Amino acid sequence: MQSQQDHNDDVTDPTMKQKTAAITKFLSRTALARKPSPIRVISDYLFSLPPDKEILSMAAGIPASSTFPLESMTIGLRDGSSFKIEGSAMSTALQYNKTSGIDGLRKWWSDLLSNLLAPPKHIERATIVTTGAEFGTYLMFNALIDPGDYVLLAEPVYCPNMLKVDSLNAEMVPIKEDPLVGGLSPTALRHALETWPEDRRRPKALLLCPTGCNPSGANVPEEARREIYELACEYDFLILEDDPYYFLNYGKDLTTFLSMDTEGRVIRLDSLSKILCPGLRIGFLTCPISLVPYLERHYSVTLLNSCNVSQVIAQTFFQEVGVSGFLKHANTVAGHYKKQRDATEAALDKHMSDLGTWIAPEAGMFFWVKLHGFKDTTELAKRSIDRGVAIVPGAAFQLEGDSPCIRLSFSVLPPEKIDEAVKSVSETIRTVKQGQL
């Protein structure tokens, strides 16, 4: 995985500052109405002080660390090595901390993105720690969306994101993916924008998963990404780059939307769930710095801060292995999923070549299969699970209507079980098509 600095050598001109988007104009009324918690303001200041700065605090209502029964943790790694968390690191893990996350972890990830993705330097950005990327999307939507606002969604779309937008009484406009292009079609997006009804509010944001999309498995190609970003600038909306499978890319390197963001209109979400483990519940949200206080105000009255035990484990792991060690691990993980992809593709070719069409993904952990002769696959999915194989019907990933597609995840089954599962699905398809329910 290579740095994207070369793509951005031409965007450090200070005149570019004149072209930046005023991201605060996109804020929801709820976000604008939220006031900072006076206690958290003081607490965040205290947690920001260097260790040698002594403050006699009678402000924060934090418990006495001397009462905690836990003293240290030793984390064993698969290669046989281990690291120990104790002393000040353990104290940080066990106590409250800053709303935006532990400084060391935020800095490590921010530096990684700066070096790896090389976003344009004239935009001042910040990274906050979220309780998984899932909560990051929730934070984004709540900060940006008012009832009646319009949100563009690349369809098929990860179904929890539809539920989040729907809960805010916002309107969702699906933009279909193009199987020939791979991922969201810039042509379809431009058509939607050019034909937008004059009596409607303009769309505030586009949400998409550009790498190894869940559920389609698609990578949005390089040129399509640039066209989509140009449309965001032309029609003045934000891009919500939900990219949890970025490090599971086993195809060619692609420029992220953050890397090409010369106007400060990209909010990026990363996740450790796919490259370390989901149990840590750690994600990262990177955005123009002017947005951060509004996100923190929401965070401070909901989760307060992400789990500090998880943050310290992740931070210590990163410190132990370094950037090169982390990228080596990420490449190993991507290689694993490529082998899983290959096994699934072989099984599909073997058992289902006459039953549907698909494009082999170049990232992530999903095949999106369009079946011949089906209007909808909801009943098929029920029949399949009755036969011992769980699949997801395509209708679960679109706003409304039927779908002839199914999503097959290849993340956890060993290759021999993948073949067995695909064979079973193919038999269920043939049975259903023959009407023998």
Protein backbone atom coordinates (compact mmCIF):
# COMPACT_ATOMS: atom_id res chain seq x y z
CA MET A 1 0.00 0.00 0.00
CA GLN A 2 1.58 3.20 -1.18
CA SER A 3 1.26 6.82 -0.10
CA GLN A 4 -1.07 9.01 -2.12
CA GLN A 5 1.16 12.07 -1.71
CA ASP A 6 1.88 12.20 -5.43
CA HIS A 7 -1.78 12.91 -6.10
CA ASN A 8 -1.71 16.01 -3.93
CA ASP A 9 1.54 17.79 -4.70
CA ASP A 10 -0.48 20.44 -6.55
CA VAL A 11 -2.95 21.37 -3.80
CA THR A 12 -0.79 23.20 -1.28
CA ASP A 13 -1.19 26.58 -3.00
CA PRO A 14 -2.54 29.01 -0.36
CA THR A 15 -5.03 30.38 -2.88
CA MET A 16 -6.86 27.08 -2.51
CA LYS A 17 -8.13 28.31 0.88
CA GLN A 18 -10.57 30.52 -0.97
CA LYS A 19 -12.29 27.45 -2.41
CA THR A 20 -12.96 25.62 0.84
CA ALA A 21 -16.54 24.77 1.79
CA ALA A 22 -18.01 26.25 4.96
CA ILE A 23 -18.92 22.91 6.49
CA THR A 24 -20.79 24.45 9.42
CA LYS A 25 -23.53 25.61 7.04
CA PHE A 26 -24.48 21.95 6.67
CA LEU A 27 -25.09 21.45 10.40
CA SER A 28 -28.49 20.34 11.62
CA ARG A 29 -30.62 22.51 13.86
CA THR A 30 -30.10 19.96 16.63
CA ALA A 31 -26.34 20.21 16.35
CA LEU A 32 -26.44 24.00 16.37
CA ALA A 33 -28.71 24.00 19.42
CA ARG A 34 -26.47 21.72 21.50
CA LYS A 35 -24.47 23.49 24.15
CA PRO A 36 -21.15 22.27 25.51
CA SER A 37 -21.24 20.53 28.88
CA PRO A 38 -19.42 22.83 31.35
CA ILE A 39 -18.13 19.79 33.24
CA ARG A 40 -16.78 18.13 30.10
CA VAL A 41 -15.09 21.35 29.00
CA ILE A 42 -13.17 21.40 32.27
CA SER A 43 -12.51 17.65 32.16
CA ASP A 44 -11.24 17.73 28.58
CA TYR A 45 -8.88 20.54 29.54
CA LEU A 46 -7.55 18.61 32.53
CA PHE A 47 -7.07 15.44 30.47
CA SER A 48 -5.12 17.50 27.91
CA LEU A 49 -2.51 18.66 30.40
CA PRO A 50 1.00 17.17 30.25
CA PRO A 51 1.80 14.66 33.02
CA ASP A 52 4.22 17.07 34.74
CA LYS A 53 1.63 19.83 35.01
CA GLU A 54 0.19 19.71 38.51
CA ILE A 55 -3.35 20.91 39.03
CA LEU A 56 -5.13 20.45 42.35
CA SER A 57 -8.45 19.48 40.84
CA MET A 58 -11.65 19.64 42.82
CA ALA A 59 -13.63 20.00 39.61
CA ALA A 60 -13.96 16.62 37.92
CA GLY A 61 -16.15 14.03 39.59
CA ILE A 62 -13.90 11.13 38.70
CA PRO A 63 -13.41 8.13 40.98
CA ALA A 64 -10.18 7.64 42.90
CA SER A 65 -7.88 5.37 40.91
CA SER A 66 -6.52 3.95 44.16
CA THR A 67 -9.83 2.11 44.57
CA PHE A 68 -9.59 0.25 41.25
CA PRO A 69 -8.86 -3.48 41.71
CA LEU A 70 -7.19 -3.81 38.29
CA GLU A 71 -3.49 -3.04 38.01
CA SER A 72 -2.11 -4.32 34.72
CA MET A 73 -2.88 -6.23 31.52
CA THR A 74 -0.73 -8.49 29.39
CA ILE A 75 -1.84 -8.90 25.78
CA GLY A 76 -0.54 -11.95 23.95
CA LEU A 77 -0.15 -11.81 20.16
CA ARG A 78 -0.49 -14.65 17.66
CA ASP A 79 3.22 -14.52 16.82
CA GLY A 80 4.05 -15.50 20.40
CA SER A 81 5.07 -12.02 21.55
CA SER A 82 3.19 -9.96 24.10
CA PHE A 83 3.03 -6.49 25.58
CA LYS A 84 2.13 -5.34 29.05
CA ILE A 85 -0.02 -2.38 29.97
CA GLU A 86 0.76 -0.95 33.39
CA GLY A 87 1.64 2.24 35.23
CA SER A 88 0.42 5.45 33.61
CA ALA A 89 -0.92 3.60 30.56
CA MET A 90 -3.06 1.41 32.79
CA SER A 91 -4.23 4.46 34.71
CA THR A 92 -5.33 6.03 31.42
CA ALA A 93 -7.14 2.83 30.43
CA LEU A 94 -9.12 2.68 33.67
CA GLN A 95 -10.10 6.32 34.06
CA TYR A 96 -12.35 8.74 32.18
CA ASN A 97 -10.66 10.62 29.36
CA LYS A 98 -11.24 13.21 26.66
CA THR A 99 -14.48 13.12 24.70
CA SER A 100 -12.62 13.01 21.39
CA GLY A 101 -10.41 10.10 22.45
CA ILE A 102 -6.99 9.51 23.96
CA ASP A 103 -4.53 11.97 22.44
CA GLY A 104 -1.84 9.41 21.65
CA LEU A 105 -4.20 7.14 19.72
CA ARG A 106 -5.78 10.02 17.82
CA LYS A 107 -2.36 11.37 16.86
CA TRP A 108 -1.10 7.95 15.74
CA TRP A 109 -4.06 7.44 13.43
CA SER A 110 -4.06 11.02 12.19
CA ASP A 111 -0.36 10.76 11.34
CA LEU A 112 -0.99 7.46 9.57
CA LEU A 113 -3.68 9.01 7.37
CA SER A 114 -1.54 12.09 6.70
CA ASN A 115 1.37 9.94 5.51
CA LEU A 116 -0.64 7.24 3.76
CA LEU A 117 -3.50 9.20 2.21
CA ALA A 118 -1.84 12.63 2.06
CA PRO A 119 -4.98 14.80 2.21
CA PRO A 120 -4.46 18.39 0.99
CA LYS A 121 -2.64 20.29 3.72
CA HIS A 122 -4.45 23.61 3.40
CA ILE A 123 -7.57 22.09 5.01
CA GLU A 124 -7.25 21.93 8.80
CA ARG A 125 -8.63 18.58 9.91
CA ALA A 126 -8.96 16.60 13.11
CA THR A 127 -9.53 12.96 13.97
CA ILE A 128 -11.73 11.76 16.81
CA VAL A 129 -12.12 8.25 18.18
CA THR A 130 -15.60 6.75 17.80
CA THR A 131 -17.14 3.65 19.32
CA GLY A 132 -16.79 1.80 16.05
CA ALA A 133 -17.42 3.31 12.63
CA GLU A 134 -21.07 2.39 13.20
CA PHE A 135 -21.38 5.06 15.89
CA GLY A 136 -19.36 7.39 13.69
CA THR A 137 -22.05 7.33 11.00
CA TYR A 138 -24.67 7.94 13.70
CA LEU A 139 -22.71 10.98 14.91
CA MET A 140 -22.39 12.31 11.36
CA PHE A 141 -26.05 11.97 10.51
CA ASN A 142 -27.18 13.58 13.74
CA ALA A 143 -24.80 16.49 13.25
CA LEU A 144 -25.88 17.13 9.66
CA ILE A 145 -29.42 15.99 9.00
CA ASP A 146 -32.69 17.75 9.78
CA PRO A 147 -36.17 16.32 9.16
CA GLY A 148 -36.99 16.80 5.50
CA ASP A 149 -33.36 16.99 4.37
CA TYR A 150 -32.24 14.86 1.44
CA VAL A 151 -29.40 12.34 1.64
CA LEU A 152 -27.96 10.57 -1.40
CA LEU A 153 -27.15 6.89 -0.86
CA ALA A 154 -25.22 4.55 -3.12
CA GLU A 155 -27.57 1.58 -3.63
CA PRO A 156 -27.35 -1.23 -2.66
CA VAL A 157 -26.60 0.27 0.75
CA TYR A 158 -25.62 -1.15 4.13
CA CYS A 159 -29.06 -1.44 5.74
CA PRO A 160 -28.29 0.09 9.21
CA ASN A 161 -27.37 3.35 7.47
CA MET A 162 -30.83 3.50 5.93
CA LEU A 163 -32.36 3.02 9.37
CA LYS A 164 -30.25 5.85 10.84
CA VAL A 165 -31.31 8.32 8.17
CA ASP A 166 -34.92 7.19 8.34
CA SER A 167 -35.00 7.70 12.13
CA LEU A 168 -34.18 11.39 11.53
CA ASN A 169 -37.23 11.75 9.25
CA ALA A 170 -34.97 12.63 6.35
CA GLU A 171 -35.53 11.70 2.72
CA MET A 172 -33.25 9.15 1.09
CA VAL A 173 -32.49 9.21 -2.62
CA PRO A 174 -30.87 6.02 -3.96
CA ILE A 175 -28.21 6.31 -6.65
CA LYS A 176 -27.74 2.95 -8.29
CA GLU A 177 -24.38 1.28 -8.61
CA ASP A 178 -23.24 0.40 -12.11
CA PRO A 179 -21.95 -3.19 -12.39
CA LEU A 180 -19.91 -2.24 -15.46
CA VAL A 181 -18.28 0.75 -13.76
CA GLY A 182 -17.99 -0.86 -10.33
CA GLY A 183 -19.66 0.92 -7.44
CA LEU A 184 -21.58 4.18 -7.60
CA SER A 185 -22.15 5.46 -11.12
CA PRO A 186 -21.12 9.11 -11.65
CA THR A 187 -23.46 9.19 -14.65
CA ALA A 188 -26.44 8.19 -12.49
CA LEU A 189 -25.39 10.71 -9.83
CA ARG A 190 -25.10 13.55 -12.35
CA HIS A 191 -28.50 12.67 -13.83
CA ALA A 192 -30.11 12.80 -10.38
CA LEU A 193 -28.55 16.18 -9.66
CA GLU A 194 -29.33 17.71 -13.06
CA THR A 195 -32.97 16.64 -12.85
CA TRP A 196 -33.42 17.57 -9.19
CA PRO A 197 -36.89 19.15 -8.66
CA GLU A 198 -36.65 22.88 -8.05
CA ASP A 199 -39.13 22.72 -5.16
CA ARG A 200 -36.95 20.26 -3.21
CA ARG A 201 -34.16 21.11 -0.79
CA ARG A 202 -30.81 20.42 -2.34
CA PRO A 203 -29.13 17.24 -1.06
CA LYS A 204 -26.85 17.77 1.91
CA ALA A 205 -24.65 14.72 1.60
CA LEU A 206 -23.74 11.59 -0.30
CA LEU A 207 -22.96 8.47 1.73
CA LEU A 208 -20.95 5.73 0.07
CA CYS A 209 -18.62 2.86 0.90
CA PRO A 210 -16.04 3.22 -1.88
CA THR A 211 -13.82 0.20 -1.16
CA GLY A 212 -15.14 -3.36 -0.95
CA CYS A 213 -18.66 -1.98 -0.54
CA ASN A 214 -21.00 -3.79 1.80
CA PRO A 215 -22.98 -5.45 0.24
CA SER A 216 -21.86 -5.29 -3.41
CA GLY A 217 -18.13 -5.82 -2.86
CA ALA A 218 -17.42 -3.11 -5.44
CA ASN A 219 -14.46 -0.73 -5.56
CA VAL A 220 -15.36 2.65 -7.02
CA PRO A 221 -12.74 3.15 -9.78
CA GLU A 222 -10.25 6.00 -9.71
CA GLU A 223 -11.80 8.11 -12.46
CA ALA A 224 -15.30 7.62 -11.06
CA ARG A 225 -14.10 8.85 -7.65
CA ARG A 226 -12.77 12.03 -9.19
CA GLU A 227 -16.00 12.61 -11.12
CA ILE A 228 -18.05 12.10 -7.96
CA TYR A 229 -15.89 14.56 -6.03
CA GLU A 230 -16.21 17.12 -8.81
CA LEU A 231 -19.99 16.74 -8.65
CA ALA A 232 -19.91 17.33 -4.89
CA CYS A 233 -18.03 20.57 -5.48
CA GLU A 234 -20.29 21.63 -8.35
CA TYR A 235 -23.55 20.91 -6.53
CA ASP A 236 -22.27 21.76 -3.05
CA PHE A 237 -22.87 18.67 -0.95
CA LEU A 238 -20.73 16.69 1.48
CA ILE A 239 -19.20 13.27 0.88
CA LEU A 240 -19.46 10.85 3.78
CA GLU A 241 -16.68 8.38 3.01
CA ASP A 242 -17.51 5.26 5.01
CA ASP A 243 -14.41 3.15 4.31
CA PRO A 244 -14.13 0.26 6.81
CA TYR A 245 -12.71 -2.10 4.15
CA TYR A 246 -9.95 0.25 2.97
CA PHE A 247 -7.20 -1.96 4.42
CA LEU A 248 -8.88 -5.08 3.00
CA ASN A 249 -8.15 -3.95 -0.54
CA TYR A 250 -6.38 -6.70 -2.48
CA GLY A 251 -6.82 -4.99 -5.85
CA LYS A 252 -4.99 -1.95 -7.17
CA ASP A 253 -4.43 1.09 -4.95
CA LEU A 254 -7.12 3.75 -5.25
CA THR A 255 -7.16 7.40 -4.21
CA THR A 256 -9.51 8.08 -1.30
CA PHE A 257 -11.98 10.93 -1.32
CA LEU A 258 -10.12 12.42 1.63
CA SER A 259 -6.96 12.46 -0.48
CA MET A 260 -8.59 14.56 -3.18
CA ASP A 261 -10.54 16.84 -0.83
CA THR A 262 -9.38 20.34 -1.74
CA GLU A 263 -12.57 21.99 -0.44
CA GLY A 264 -13.04 20.43 3.00
CA ARG A 265 -16.27 18.62 2.13
CA VAL A 266 -15.24 15.03 2.96
CA ILE A 267 -15.92 13.32 6.29
CA ARG A 268 -14.06 10.04 6.49
CA LEU A 269 -14.75 7.01 8.67
CA ASP A 270 -12.21 4.27 9.38
CA SER A 271 -12.59 1.16 11.49
CA LEU A 272 -10.34 -1.22 13.40
CA SER A 273 -13.01 -3.91 13.36
CA LYS A 274 -11.81 -5.57 10.16
CA ILE A 275 -8.05 -5.27 10.78
CA LEU A 276 -7.68 -5.73 14.56
CA CYS A 277 -10.98 -6.95 15.98
CA PRO A 278 -14.57 -5.71 16.28
CA GLY A 279 -14.66 -6.32 20.03
CA LEU A 280 -12.48 -3.25 20.62
CA ARG A 281 -15.27 -1.09 19.14
CA ILE A 282 -12.88 1.53 17.80
CA GLY A 283 -13.36 3.68 14.75
CA PHE A 284 -12.00 7.03 13.62
CA LEU A 285 -13.81 10.02 12.18
CA THR A 286 -11.69 12.54 10.26
CA CYS A 287 -13.25 15.83 9.24
CA PRO A 288 -12.64 19.57 8.94
CA ILE A 289 -11.77 20.81 12.41
CA SER A 290 -14.68 23.25 12.59
CA LEU A 291 -17.08 20.28 12.77
CA VAL A 292 -15.41 18.63 15.77
CA PRO A 293 -16.96 20.72 18.61
CA TYR A 294 -20.46 19.80 17.41
CA LEU A 295 -19.59 16.10 17.32
CA GLU A 296 -18.03 16.32 20.78
CA ARG A 297 -21.11 17.98 22.24
CA HIS A 298 -23.25 15.08 21.08
CA TYR A 299 -20.70 12.51 22.23
CA SER A 300 -20.37 14.11 25.67
CA VAL A 301 -24.06 13.63 26.48
CA THR A 302 -24.36 10.10 25.07
CA LEU A 303 -21.30 7.85 25.43
CA LEU A 304 -19.09 10.44 27.16
CA ASN A 305 -16.03 8.87 25.53
CA SER A 306 -15.12 5.63 23.79
CA CYS A 307 -13.87 2.73 25.92
CA ASN A 308 -10.45 3.72 27.23
CA VAL A 309 -9.35 0.13 27.86
CA SER A 310 -9.86 -0.56 24.14
CA GLN A 311 -8.14 2.67 23.15
CA VAL A 312 -5.06 1.93 25.26
CA ILE A 313 -4.85 -1.63 23.90
CA ALA A 314 -4.98 -0.30 20.33
CA GLN A 315 -2.54 2.52 21.05
CA THR A 316 -0.04 0.19 22.71
CA PHE A 317 -0.32 -2.31 19.87
CA PHE A 318 0.38 0.44 17.33
CA GLN A 319 3.35 1.66 19.37
CA GLU A 320 4.73 -1.87 19.65
CA VAL A 321 4.50 -2.80 15.97
CA GLY A 322 5.00 0.65 14.44
CA VAL A 323 3.57 1.85 11.14
CA SER A 324 5.50 -0.72 9.09
CA GLY A 325 4.34 -3.54 11.36
CA PHE A 326 0.74 -2.38 11.17
CA LEU A 327 0.80 -2.15 7.37
CA LYS A 328 2.42 -5.58 7.17
CA HIS A 329 -0.37 -6.96 9.35
CA ALA A 330 -3.02 -5.19 7.23
CA ASN A 331 -1.53 -6.69 4.06
CA THR A 332 -1.62 -10.13 5.67
CA VAL A 333 -5.29 -9.66 6.52
CA ALA A 334 -6.05 -8.49 2.98
CA GLY A 335 -4.19 -11.52 1.63
CA HIS A 336 -6.35 -13.80 3.77
CA TYR A 337 -9.54 -12.34 2.35
CA LYS A 338 -8.19 -12.58 -1.18
CA LYS A 339 -7.74 -16.32 -0.67
CA GLN A 340 -11.28 -16.50 0.69
CA ARG A 341 -12.50 -14.54 -2.32
CA ASP A 342 -10.73 -16.93 -4.68
CA ALA A 343 -12.27 -19.96 -2.97
CA THR A 344 -15.74 -18.44 -3.22
CA GLU A 345 -15.29 -17.50 -6.85
CA ALA A 346 -14.21 -21.06 -7.64
CA ALA A 347 -17.25 -22.44 -5.83
CA LEU A 348 -19.59 -20.07 -7.67
CA ASP A 349 -18.04 -21.00 -11.03
CA LYS A 350 -18.41 -24.67 -10.14
CA HIS A 351 -21.96 -24.68 -8.82
CA MET A 352 -23.76 -21.54 -9.99
CA SER A 353 -22.38 -20.48 -13.38
CA ASP A 354 -25.78 -21.05 -15.01
CA LEU A 355 -27.80 -19.52 -12.17
CA GLY A 356 -26.59 -15.94 -11.94
CA THR A 357 -23.95 -13.32 -12.59
CA TRP A 358 -21.40 -11.64 -10.35
CA ILE A 359 -18.22 -9.62 -10.42
CA ALA A 360 -15.37 -10.82 -8.23
CA PRO A 361 -14.64 -8.20 -5.57
CA GLU A 362 -11.19 -6.66 -5.22
CA ALA A 363 -11.66 -5.74 -1.56
CA GLY A 364 -13.77 -6.64 1.43
CA MET A 365 -15.60 -9.87 2.14
CA PHE A 366 -18.75 -10.04 -0.01
CA PHE A 367 -20.03 -11.39 -3.31
CA TRP A 368 -23.14 -9.76 -4.76
CA VAL A 369 -24.89 -12.32 -6.97
CA LYS A 370 -27.74 -11.44 -9.34
CA LEU A 371 -29.83 -14.54 -9.96
CA HIS A 372 -31.50 -15.44 -13.24
CA GLY A 373 -35.26 -15.87 -13.18
CA PHE A 374 -35.87 -14.26 -9.79
CA LYS A 375 -37.82 -11.09 -9.10
CA ASP A 376 -37.00 -11.28 -5.39
CA THR A 377 -34.86 -13.51 -3.19
CA THR A 378 -36.46 -13.04 0.23
CA GLU A 379 -38.22 -16.41 0.16
CA LEU A 380 -35.09 -18.04 -1.25
CA ALA A 381 -33.08 -16.79 1.72
CA LYS A 382 -35.63 -18.32 4.09
CA ARG A 383 -35.45 -21.66 2.28
CA SER A 384 -31.67 -21.57 2.28
CA ILE A 385 -31.42 -21.10 6.03
CA ASP A 386 -33.86 -23.97 6.49
CA ARG A 387 -31.30 -26.07 4.61
CA GLY A 388 -28.50 -24.87 6.88
CA VAL A 389 -26.91 -22.00 4.93
CA ALA A 390 -27.53 -18.38 5.87
CA ILE A 391 -27.54 -15.76 3.10
CA VAL A 392 -28.98 -12.24 2.92
CA PRO A 393 -31.60 -11.28 0.31
CA GLY A 394 -30.82 -8.26 -1.81
CA ALA A 395 -33.99 -6.42 -0.79
CA ALA A 396 -32.42 -5.84 2.64
CA PHE A 397 -29.97 -3.43 1.00
CA GLN A 398 -32.30 -1.18 -0.96
CA LEU A 399 -34.85 1.41 0.05
CA GLU A 400 -37.86 -0.33 -1.41
CA GLY A 401 -38.99 -2.99 -3.84
CA ASP A 402 -37.82 -6.45 -4.76
CA SER A 403 -34.33 -7.57 -5.62
CA PRO A 404 -33.06 -10.56 -7.61
CA CYS A 405 -29.73 -10.44 -5.74
CA ILE A 406 -28.20 -12.20 -2.75
CA ARG A 407 -25.21 -11.28 -0.62
CA LEU A 408 -22.71 -14.01 0.18
CA SER A 409 -20.10 -13.33 2.84
CA PHE A 410 -16.87 -15.31 2.60
CA SER A 411 -15.25 -13.98 5.75
CA VAL A 412 -15.42 -16.86 8.23
CA LEU A 413 -15.93 -20.21 6.49
CA PRO A 414 -12.86 -22.28 5.54
CA PRO A 415 -12.55 -22.99 1.78
CA GLU A 416 -14.03 -26.49 1.97
CA LYS A 417 -17.05 -25.16 3.85
CA ILE A 418 -17.41 -22.34 1.33
CA ASP A 419 -17.75 -24.91 -1.45
CA GLU A 420 -20.27 -26.87 0.62
CA ALA A 421 -22.31 -23.74 1.35
CA VAL A 422 -22.36 -22.50 -2.26
CA LYS A 423 -23.36 -25.96 -3.46
CA SER A 424 -26.26 -25.98 -0.98
CA VAL A 425 -27.38 -22.50 -2.09
CA SER A 426 -27.28 -23.61 -5.73
CA GLU A 427 -29.45 -26.63 -4.91
CA THR A 428 -31.93 -24.43 -3.08
CA ILE A 429 -32.07 -22.06 -6.05
CA ARG A 430 -32.79 -24.92 -8.46
CA THR A 431 -35.47 -26.31 -6.16
CA VAL A 432 -37.19 -22.95 -5.78
CA LYS A 433 -37.02 -22.30 -9.54
CA GLN A 434 -38.64 -25.64 -10.20
CA GLY A 435 -41.45 -24.70 -7.81
CA GLN A 436 -40.73 -27.57 -5.41
CA LEU A 437 -41.18 -25.57 -2.20
